[in-house]
Amino acid sequence: MTESNSQPASKATISPENTAVETTTSDEVQEIRETIAAAKPEGSYVKLAMRNMVRKGRQSLWHFFLTTVGLVGLLVGLAYLTKP
């Protein structure tokens, strides 16, 4: 058996003929940066929530505790009501 092609068919060869390099000017770069800056949201909900949690730490912990107790109570109540 002789191999006619030494490279696998899935790999592409890179040669100077098939490589293209696009250059961008500083005006184009500035325009792209302005477009990206305009597309960004002002502030995210997660950042605002984290800021509020740090600012109101005791209240956040109390609400977390109440939520945890409520969910555990709900699960225990459902388990008690639905036991065979």
C-alpha atoms as a PDB file:
ATOM      1  CA  MET A   1       0.000   0.000   0.000  1.00  0.00           C
ATOM      2  CA  THR A   2       1.350   3.370  -0.947  1.00  0.00           C
ATOM      3  CA  GLU A   3       0.071   6.665   0.309  1.00  0.00           C
ATOM      4  CA  SER A   4      -0.378   9.311  -2.334  1.00  0.00           C
ATOM      5  CA  ASN A   5      -1.088  12.086   0.154  1.00  0.00           C
ATOM      6  CA  SER A   6       1.084  12.426   3.238  1.00  0.00           C
ATOM      7  CA  GLN A   7      -1.220  14.942   4.993  1.00  0.00           C
ATOM      8  CA  PRO A   8      -4.651  14.093   6.362  1.00  0.00           C
ATOM      9  CA  ALA A   9      -7.548  15.524   4.397  1.00  0.00           C
ATOM     10  CA  SER A  10      -8.947  17.405   7.411  1.00  0.00           C
ATOM     11  CA  LYS A  11      -5.921  19.662   7.906  1.00  0.00           C
ATOM     12  CA  ALA A  12      -5.514  22.783   5.830  1.00  0.00           C
ATOM     13  CA  THR A  13      -2.117  24.002   4.804  1.00  0.00           C
ATOM     14  CA  ILE A  14      -1.138  27.578   5.436  1.00  0.00           C
ATOM     15  CA  SER A  15       0.754  29.299   2.704  1.00  0.00           C
ATOM     16  CA  PRO A  16       1.395  32.943   1.871  1.00  0.00           C
ATOM     17  CA  GLU A  17      -1.121  32.745  -0.972  1.00  0.00           C
ATOM     18  CA  ASN A  18      -4.126  31.805   1.184  1.00  0.00           C
ATOM     19  CA  THR A  19      -3.509  34.038   4.212  1.00  0.00           C
ATOM     20  CA  ALA A  20      -5.055  37.466   4.314  1.00  0.00           C
ATOM     21  CA  VAL A  21      -4.367  40.069   6.934  1.00  0.00           C
ATOM     22  CA  GLU A  22      -6.762  42.945   7.326  1.00  0.00           C
ATOM     23  CA  THR A  23      -5.484  46.114   8.853  1.00  0.00           C
ATOM     24  CA  THR A  24      -7.691  48.546  10.689  1.00  0.00           C
ATOM     25  CA  THR A  25      -7.036  52.210  11.109  1.00  0.00           C
ATOM     26  CA  SER A  26      -7.190  53.983  14.427  1.00  0.00           C
ATOM     27  CA  ASP A  27     -10.447  55.676  13.335  1.00  0.00           C
ATOM     28  CA  GLU A  28     -12.042  52.278  12.739  1.00  0.00           C
ATOM     29  CA  VAL A  29     -10.780  51.025  16.083  1.00  0.00           C
ATOM     30  CA  GLN A  30     -12.204  54.088  17.827  1.00  0.00           C
ATOM     31  CA  GLU A  31     -15.549  53.582  16.080  1.00  0.00           C
ATOM     32  CA  ILE A  32     -15.627  49.932  17.158  1.00  0.00           C
ATOM     33  CA  ARG A  33     -14.846  50.913  20.757  1.00  0.00           C
ATOM     34  CA  GLU A  34     -17.631  53.514  20.744  1.00  0.00           C
ATOM     35  CA  THR A  35     -20.074  50.949  19.356  1.00  0.00           C
ATOM     36  CA  ILE A  36     -19.142  48.453  22.059  1.00  0.00           C
ATOM     37  CA  ALA A  37     -19.374  51.111  24.775  1.00  0.00           C
ATOM     38  CA  ALA A  38     -22.823  52.147  23.542  1.00  0.00           C
ATOM     39  CA  ALA A  39     -24.014  48.536  23.530  1.00  0.00           C
ATOM     40  CA  LYS A  40     -23.012  47.868  27.161  1.00  0.00           C
ATOM     41  CA  PRO A  41     -25.794  48.186  29.720  1.00  0.00           C
ATOM     42  CA  GLU A  42     -25.463  50.878  32.364  1.00  0.00           C
ATOM     43  CA  GLY A  43     -25.396  48.451  35.309  1.00  0.00           C
ATOM     44  CA  SER A  44     -26.371  44.884  35.796  1.00  0.00           C
ATOM     45  CA  TYR A  45     -28.964  43.570  38.193  1.00  0.00           C
ATOM     46  CA  VAL A  46     -26.386  41.277  39.795  1.00  0.00           C
ATOM     47  CA  LYS A  47     -24.002  44.149  40.519  1.00  0.00           C
ATOM     48  CA  LEU A  48     -26.809  46.177  42.046  1.00  0.00           C
ATOM     49  CA  ALA A  49     -27.949  43.228  44.165  1.00  0.00           C
ATOM     50  CA  MET A  50     -24.408  42.568  45.393  1.00  0.00           C
ATOM     51  CA  ARG A  51     -23.937  46.253  46.251  1.00  0.00           C
ATOM     52  CA  ASN A  52     -27.195  46.283  48.199  1.00  0.00           C
ATOM     53  CA  MET A  53     -26.293  43.057  49.983  1.00  0.00           C
ATOM     54  CA  VAL A  54     -22.993  44.543  51.135  1.00  0.00           C
ATOM     55  CA  ARG A  55     -24.660  47.805  52.139  1.00  0.00           C
ATOM     56  CA  LYS A  56     -27.522  46.097  54.000  1.00  0.00           C
ATOM     57  CA  GLY A  57     -25.741  42.976  55.209  1.00  0.00           C
ATOM     58  CA  ARG A  58     -27.803  42.282  58.325  1.00  0.00           C
ATOM     59  CA  GLN A  59     -31.141  42.586  56.521  1.00  0.00           C
ATOM     60  CA  SER A  60     -29.904  40.393  53.660  1.00  0.00           C
ATOM     61  CA  LEU A  61     -28.771  37.696  56.074  1.00  0.00           C
ATOM     62  CA  TRP A  62     -32.095  37.846  57.917  1.00  0.00           C
ATOM     63  CA  HIS A  63     -34.045  37.452  54.665  1.00  0.00           C
ATOM     64  CA  PHE A  64     -31.775  34.579  53.608  1.00  0.00           C
ATOM     65  CA  PHE A  65     -32.407  32.887  56.971  1.00  0.00           C
ATOM     66  CA  LEU A  66     -36.177  33.338  56.674  1.00  0.00           C
ATOM     67  CA  THR A  67     -36.170  31.981  53.111  1.00  0.00           C
ATOM     68  CA  THR A  68     -34.110  28.948  54.148  1.00  0.00           C
ATOM     69  CA  VAL A  69     -36.361  28.191  57.134  1.00  0.00           C
ATOM     70  CA  GLY A  70     -39.464  28.628  54.959  1.00  0.00           C
ATOM     71  CA  LEU A  71     -38.219  26.279  52.244  1.00  0.00           C
ATOM     72  CA  VAL A  72     -37.093  23.628  54.733  1.00  0.00           C
ATOM     73  CA  GLY A  73     -40.443  23.935  56.536  1.00  0.00           C
ATOM     74  CA  LEU A  74     -42.308  23.577  53.240  1.00  0.00           C
ATOM     75  CA  LEU A  75     -40.326  20.476  52.273  1.00  0.00           C
ATOM     76  CA  VAL A  76     -40.763  18.862  55.702  1.00  0.00           C
ATOM     77  CA  GLY A  77     -44.492  19.691  55.650  1.00  0.00           C
ATOM     78  CA  LEU A  78     -44.939  18.209  52.181  1.00  0.00           C
ATOM     79  CA  ALA A  79     -42.960  15.116  53.174  1.00  0.00           C
ATOM     80  CA  TYR A  80     -45.168  14.672  56.268  1.00  0.00           C
ATOM     81  CA  LEU A  81     -48.408  15.153  54.334  1.00  0.00           C
ATOM     82  CA  THR A  82     -47.458  12.835  51.481  1.00  0.00           C
ATOM     83  CA  LYS A  83     -45.943   9.963  53.446  1.00  0.00           C
ATOM     84  CA  PRO A  84     -47.665   6.621  52.850  1.00  0.00           C
END
